[in-house]
């Protein structure tokens, strides 16, 4: 499972990254790849105009806010993470 955080390194971007890591840990996921994307051209090319943004397996789940660990956990489950736990 690929988790991408789009942002420039601001406090909200860092918080979203931390919240995503907490959600992954709660679900016991071992096969998640975290990718931080901070290149403005790449962010815009992917259709994201507000940061931070969270993408799971290439699908935009959150734009413009630092989703809570509970929210990220829900998105991970929706993306099929439940069957990938350790």
C-alpha atoms as a PDB file:
ATOM      1  CA  UNK A   1       0.000   0.000   0.000  1.00  0.00           C
ATOM      2  CA  UNK A   2       1.405   3.389  -0.982  1.00  0.00           C
ATOM      3  CA  UNK A   3       0.704   6.386   1.225  1.00  0.00           C
ATOM      4  CA  UNK A   4       1.650   9.752  -0.209  1.00  0.00           C
ATOM      5  CA  UNK A   5       1.703  13.020   1.707  1.00  0.00           C
ATOM      6  CA  UNK A   6       1.743  16.115  -0.479  1.00  0.00           C
ATOM      7  CA  UNK A   7       3.011  19.275   1.162  1.00  0.00           C
ATOM      8  CA  UNK A   8       5.812  21.708   1.688  1.00  0.00           C
ATOM      9  CA  UNK A   9       6.859  20.660   5.169  1.00  0.00           C
ATOM     10  CA  UNK A  10       4.564  23.013   7.060  1.00  0.00           C
ATOM     11  CA  UNK A  11       3.189  22.108  10.486  1.00  0.00           C
ATOM     12  CA  UNK A  12      -0.054  20.704   9.027  1.00  0.00           C
ATOM     13  CA  UNK A  13       1.861  18.601   6.510  1.00  0.00           C
ATOM     14  CA  UNK A  14       4.048  17.185   9.257  1.00  0.00           C
ATOM     15  CA  UNK A  15       0.979  16.526  11.419  1.00  0.00           C
ATOM     16  CA  UNK A  16      -0.731  14.640   8.601  1.00  0.00           C
ATOM     17  CA  UNK A  17       2.389  12.513   8.139  1.00  0.00           C
ATOM     18  CA  UNK A  18       2.479  11.703  11.852  1.00  0.00           C
ATOM     19  CA  UNK A  19      -1.254  10.945  11.929  1.00  0.00           C
ATOM     20  CA  UNK A  20      -0.881   8.585   8.958  1.00  0.00           C
ATOM     21  CA  UNK A  21       1.966   6.765  10.681  1.00  0.00           C
ATOM     22  CA  UNK A  22      -0.148   6.380  13.831  1.00  0.00           C
ATOM     23  CA  UNK A  23      -3.035   4.943  11.784  1.00  0.00           C
ATOM     24  CA  UNK A  24      -0.712   2.483  10.029  1.00  0.00           C
ATOM     25  CA  UNK A  25       0.697   1.378  13.375  1.00  0.00           C
ATOM     26  CA  UNK A  26      -2.777   0.940  14.881  1.00  0.00           C
ATOM     27  CA  UNK A  27      -3.784  -1.300  11.993  1.00  0.00           C
ATOM     28  CA  UNK A  28      -0.561  -3.271  12.207  1.00  0.00           C
ATOM     29  CA  UNK A  29       0.301  -2.731   8.565  1.00  0.00           C
ATOM     30  CA  UNK A  30       3.763  -3.866   7.589  1.00  0.00           C
ATOM     31  CA  UNK A  31       3.753  -3.267   3.846  1.00  0.00           C
ATOM     32  CA  UNK A  32       3.079   0.469   3.603  1.00  0.00           C
ATOM     33  CA  UNK A  33       5.373   2.720   1.636  1.00  0.00           C
ATOM     34  CA  UNK A  34       5.396   6.344   2.797  1.00  0.00           C
ATOM     35  CA  UNK A  35       6.261   8.932   0.168  1.00  0.00           C
ATOM     36  CA  UNK A  36       6.507  12.650   0.865  1.00  0.00           C
ATOM     37  CA  UNK A  37       6.009  14.808  -2.205  1.00  0.00           C
ATOM     38  CA  UNK A  38       7.067  18.436  -1.832  1.00  0.00           C
ATOM     39  CA  UNK A  39       7.722  19.394  -5.451  1.00  0.00           C
ATOM     40  CA  UNK A  40       5.064  21.949  -6.466  1.00  0.00           C
ATOM     41  CA  UNK A  41       5.061  20.810 -10.100  1.00  0.00           C
ATOM     42  CA  UNK A  42       4.457  17.185  -9.134  1.00  0.00           C
ATOM     43  CA  UNK A  43       1.729  18.171  -6.665  1.00  0.00           C
ATOM     44  CA  UNK A  44      -0.078  20.267  -9.285  1.00  0.00           C
ATOM     45  CA  UNK A  45       0.398  17.612 -11.968  1.00  0.00           C
ATOM     46  CA  UNK A  46      -1.466  15.177  -9.736  1.00  0.00           C
ATOM     47  CA  UNK A  47      -4.399  17.608  -9.439  1.00  0.00           C
ATOM     48  CA  UNK A  48      -3.782  18.763  -5.875  1.00  0.00           C
ATOM     49  CA  UNK A  49      -4.022  22.526  -5.412  1.00  0.00           C
ATOM     50  CA  UNK A  50      -4.154  22.695  -1.605  1.00  0.00           C
ATOM     51  CA  UNK A  51      -1.804  21.063   0.853  1.00  0.00           C
ATOM     52  CA  UNK A  52      -1.465  19.005   2.866  1.00  0.00           C
ATOM     53  CA  UNK A  53      -2.990  16.162   0.921  1.00  0.00           C
ATOM     54  CA  UNK A  54      -3.171  12.440   1.551  1.00  0.00           C
ATOM     55  CA  UNK A  55      -3.220   9.894  -1.251  1.00  0.00           C
ATOM     56  CA  UNK A  56      -3.622   6.179  -0.707  1.00  0.00           C
ATOM     57  CA  UNK A  57      -2.659   3.967  -3.632  1.00  0.00           C
ATOM     58  CA  UNK A  58      -2.850   7.003  -5.919  1.00  0.00           C
ATOM     59  CA  UNK A  59      -6.318   8.102  -4.840  1.00  0.00           C
ATOM     60  CA  UNK A  60      -6.802  11.487  -3.168  1.00  0.00           C
ATOM     61  CA  UNK A  61      -8.421  11.074   0.246  1.00  0.00           C
ATOM     62  CA  UNK A  62      -7.733  14.415   1.977  1.00  0.00           C
ATOM     63  CA  UNK A  63      -6.929  17.886   0.693  1.00  0.00           C
ATOM     64  CA  UNK A  64      -6.187  20.994   2.719  1.00  0.00           C
ATOM     65  CA  UNK A  65      -6.195  19.572   6.236  1.00  0.00           C
ATOM     66  CA  UNK A  66      -4.333  17.286   8.592  1.00  0.00           C
ATOM     67  CA  UNK A  67      -6.739  14.369   8.906  1.00  0.00           C
ATOM     68  CA  UNK A  68      -6.812  12.772  12.347  1.00  0.00           C
ATOM     69  CA  UNK A  69      -5.414   9.280  12.922  1.00  0.00           C
ATOM     70  CA  UNK A  70      -9.006   7.998  13.109  1.00  0.00           C
ATOM     71  CA  UNK A  71      -9.838   9.517   9.724  1.00  0.00           C
ATOM     72  CA  UNK A  72      -6.696   8.117   8.114  1.00  0.00           C
ATOM     73  CA  UNK A  73      -7.429   4.718   9.631  1.00  0.00           C
ATOM     74  CA  UNK A  74     -10.900   4.797   8.060  1.00  0.00           C
ATOM     75  CA  UNK A  75      -9.428   5.671   4.647  1.00  0.00           C
ATOM     76  CA  UNK A  76      -6.895   2.858   4.958  1.00  0.00           C
ATOM     77  CA  UNK A  77      -9.639   0.377   5.786  1.00  0.00           C
ATOM     78  CA  UNK A  78     -11.682   1.595   2.819  1.00  0.00           C
ATOM     79  CA  UNK A  79      -8.622   1.009   0.635  1.00  0.00           C
ATOM     80  CA  UNK A  80      -8.457  -2.609   1.777  1.00  0.00           C
ATOM     81  CA  UNK A  81      -5.890  -2.348   4.533  1.00  0.00           C
ATOM     82  CA  UNK A  82      -7.789  -4.662   6.876  1.00  0.00           C
ATOM     83  CA  UNK A  83      -6.634  -7.721   4.968  1.00  0.00           C
ATOM     84  CA  UNK A  84      -2.990  -6.615   4.972  1.00  0.00           C
ATOM     85  CA  UNK A  85      -2.297  -6.518   8.700  1.00  0.00           C
ATOM     86  CA  UNK A  86       0.672  -8.383  10.176  1.00  0.00           C
END
